[in-house]
Every structure is written in C-alpha cells, then in structure tokens.
Protein backbone atom coordinates (compact mmCIF):
# COMPACT_ATOMS: atom_id res chain seq x y z
CA MET A 1 -44.43 -4.07 -16.38
CA GLU A 2 -44.75 -2.76 -12.92
CA ASN A 3 -45.13 1.12 -12.20
CA THR A 4 -43.53 1.13 -8.78
CA PHE A 5 -40.93 -0.88 -6.69
CA GLU A 6 -40.29 -1.56 -3.21
CA LYS A 7 -36.98 -0.83 -1.32
CA ARG A 8 -35.79 -2.00 1.67
CA SER A 9 -33.68 0.30 4.23
CA ILE A 10 -31.80 -0.06 7.31
CA SER A 11 -33.60 0.94 10.68
CA TYR A 12 -32.58 3.81 12.93
CA GLU A 13 -32.39 1.43 15.62
CA SER A 14 -29.95 -0.90 13.78
CA ALA A 15 -27.80 1.99 12.43
CA ILE A 16 -27.49 3.31 16.40
CA LYS A 17 -26.13 -0.42 17.42
CA MET A 18 -23.67 -0.43 14.38
CA ILE A 19 -22.67 3.22 15.70
CA ASN A 20 -22.29 2.19 19.14
CA ALA A 21 -20.62 -1.40 18.20
CA ALA A 22 -18.25 0.59 16.02
CA HIS A 23 -17.30 3.28 19.02
CA GLU A 24 -16.33 -0.04 21.45
CA LYS A 25 -14.22 -1.37 18.88
CA ALA A 26 -12.31 1.91 18.48
CA LYS A 27 -11.69 2.38 22.16
CA GLU A 28 -10.53 -1.28 22.31
CA ILE A 29 -7.81 -0.66 19.78
CA GLY A 30 -6.77 3.02 20.68
CA VAL A 31 -8.71 5.16 18.09
CA THR A 32 -11.37 7.98 17.74
CA ILE A 33 -13.61 7.62 14.94
CA THR A 34 -16.56 9.04 13.39
CA VAL A 35 -19.13 6.86 11.77
CA ALA A 36 -21.73 7.46 9.35
CA ILE A 37 -24.56 5.32 7.97
CA VAL A 38 -26.78 6.20 5.15
CA ASP A 39 -29.72 4.51 3.52
CA GLU A 40 -30.08 2.44 0.41
CA SER A 41 -30.43 6.02 -1.35
CA GLY A 42 -27.35 7.41 0.28
CA VAL A 43 -29.24 9.76 2.44
CA GLN A 44 -27.45 10.28 5.93
CA LYS A 45 -29.61 7.86 8.59
CA ALA A 46 -27.43 8.18 11.57
CA PHE A 47 -24.06 9.76 12.83
CA GLY A 48 -21.76 9.51 15.78
CA ARG A 49 -18.54 11.37 16.30
CA MET A 50 -16.21 9.94 19.28
CA ASP A 51 -14.91 13.09 21.34
CA ASN A 52 -11.62 14.12 19.86
CA ALA A 53 -12.34 12.24 16.66
CA PRO A 54 -10.32 14.22 14.03
CA LEU A 55 -12.20 16.82 12.30
CA ILE A 56 -11.47 15.56 8.74
CA SER A 57 -12.96 12.32 9.76
CA VAL A 58 -16.59 13.94 9.74
CA LYS A 59 -16.68 14.63 5.87
CA ALA A 60 -14.31 11.47 5.39
CA SER A 61 -16.89 9.00 7.15
CA LEU A 62 -19.69 10.06 5.11
CA LYS A 63 -17.69 10.13 1.70
CA LYS A 64 -16.68 6.39 2.57
CA ALA A 65 -20.40 5.37 3.05
CA LEU A 66 -21.69 7.52 -0.07
CA THR A 67 -18.59 5.47 -2.19
CA ALA A 68 -19.88 2.26 -0.72
CA ILE A 69 -23.60 2.52 -1.57
CA GLY A 70 -22.59 3.93 -5.03
CA PHE A 71 -21.94 0.61 -6.62
CA GLY A 72 -22.59 -1.77 -3.48
CA ILE A 73 -18.81 -2.25 -2.76
CA SER A 74 -16.43 -1.48 -0.06
CA SER A 75 -14.24 1.64 -0.41
CA GLY A 76 -10.35 0.73 -0.24
CA GLN A 77 -9.31 -2.39 -2.05
CA GLU A 78 -12.64 -3.69 -3.34
CA TRP A 79 -13.08 -0.30 -5.19
CA PHE A 80 -9.43 -0.15 -6.12
CA ASN A 81 -9.70 -3.66 -7.69
CA PHE A 82 -12.70 -2.46 -9.60
CA ILE A 83 -10.90 0.20 -11.23
CA LYS A 84 -7.09 -0.35 -11.17
CA GLU A 85 -6.97 -1.81 -14.90
CA ASP A 86 -9.18 0.64 -16.42
CA PRO A 87 -7.66 4.05 -17.07
CA ILE A 88 -10.43 5.93 -17.54
CA MET A 89 -12.56 4.43 -14.53
CA ARG A 90 -9.19 4.91 -12.34
CA GLU A 91 -8.84 8.44 -13.60
CA GLY A 92 -12.46 9.52 -13.65
CA VAL A 93 -13.91 8.26 -10.35
CA HIS A 94 -12.11 10.92 -8.57
CA ASP A 95 -14.06 13.51 -10.19
CA PHE A 96 -17.27 11.83 -8.48
CA ASP A 97 -19.02 14.15 -5.74
CA ASP A 98 -18.41 12.41 -2.28
CA PHE A 99 -16.01 9.71 -3.48
CA ILE A 100 -13.24 8.51 -1.35
CA LEU A 101 -10.89 5.35 -2.19
CA LEU A 102 -9.75 4.96 1.45
CA GLY A 103 -10.66 1.89 3.25
CA GLY A 104 -13.46 2.22 5.84
CA GLY A 105 -16.60 2.29 4.03
CA SER A 106 -19.05 -0.88 3.24
CA PRO A 107 -22.37 -1.49 1.77
CA ILE A 108 -24.85 -2.95 4.04
CA PHE A 109 -26.73 -6.13 3.22
CA ILE A 110 -29.71 -7.55 4.92
CA GLU A 111 -31.01 -10.72 3.67
CA GLY A 112 -29.32 -10.41 0.32
CA LYS A 113 -30.58 -6.76 -0.09
CA LEU A 114 -28.69 -3.60 -0.31
CA VAL A 115 -29.95 -1.39 2.64
CA GLY A 116 -27.58 1.16 3.23
CA ALA A 117 -23.87 1.85 3.84
CA ILE A 118 -21.62 2.47 6.89
CA GLY A 119 -18.30 4.90 6.71
CA ILE A 120 -15.89 4.98 9.24
CA SER A 121 -12.84 7.46 9.49
CA GLY A 122 -10.72 8.54 12.31
CA GLY A 123 -7.70 5.99 12.54
CA HIS A 124 -5.65 4.48 9.66
CA TYR A 125 -7.94 3.13 7.19
CA LYS A 126 -7.20 -0.42 8.22
CA GLN A 127 -8.27 0.23 11.77
CA ASP A 128 -11.35 1.98 10.30
CA GLU A 129 -12.22 -1.10 8.40
CA GLU A 130 -11.77 -3.30 11.87
CA CYS A 131 -14.47 -0.91 13.15
CA VAL A 132 -16.77 -1.20 10.24
CA LYS A 133 -16.24 -5.19 10.56
CA THR A 134 -17.20 -5.04 14.03
CA ALA A 135 -20.45 -3.01 13.25
CA LEU A 136 -21.53 -5.14 10.57
CA ASN A 137 -21.31 -8.16 12.70
CA ILE A 138 -24.22 -7.15 14.97
CA LEU A 139 -26.72 -7.27 12.15
C-alpha cells in the first residue's frame, strides 16, 4: 500500500488560453460570458469576465465548474441523465453546495486524467456549452 499519490492539474497557462478561446467564441456568437476554471481539487485556478457579462454569471460559472469536477461529468444533460431515474439523487443534489444543473460546465481531461473543470455562464446554457467546447478544443 502506498502512503501518497500524485495528482495532475491544469496549468495556469492552459487555463488562460481556454478563457481567451471561450471569450473569442462568445464574441463570435454575440454573448458576453464569465469563465471559471478550477483545478482537480475544485480550487479556482483562473477566471475571466467579459465586459457587460451578467452579474449572475460570476457565481453561476464557478458553480458549473464545481459541479463538473465533483463527479467528472458535465453539468446540464450529462448530470441530468445521471440523476433523472433516481428520485433521491434528483431531489438531493440540489442541497449540495455550489451545485447547478444548467449546462455550461465540463470536466477537463488531459491524457485520460481529470485535471480540472471549466464553467461558463452568460448566455443561454446552449451558448455557454458552445463556448466550453471551443475552450476544450484548444487543449
């Protein structure tokens, strides 16, 4: 039995590149967003709020990232599919701190390892998901 283990984490430089890519996509589709990136432990690594992004997007983006890192699954449809058939889970998850079901949060995997998560808010959740996809594609 080993007494320690090693974790991998998203680098700050990669997190900033992801934020910039998401902001560019948001400009392209005509929304203003906030992006939060957390590391593998759910600690905020990087953050970027576009000018005029809705105030609610600040907390929502972080909640989306924390929701995604919690089980390594995306917020929105993937999380909904995970809980929809289980009444206890479906009702109980809303009592978790920093949980949000809305789409726009995704785990970040590099070489098969969960290294962080990204959360984006500011547009309709489908638009947020488009920006997440763009950010993940730069890795």
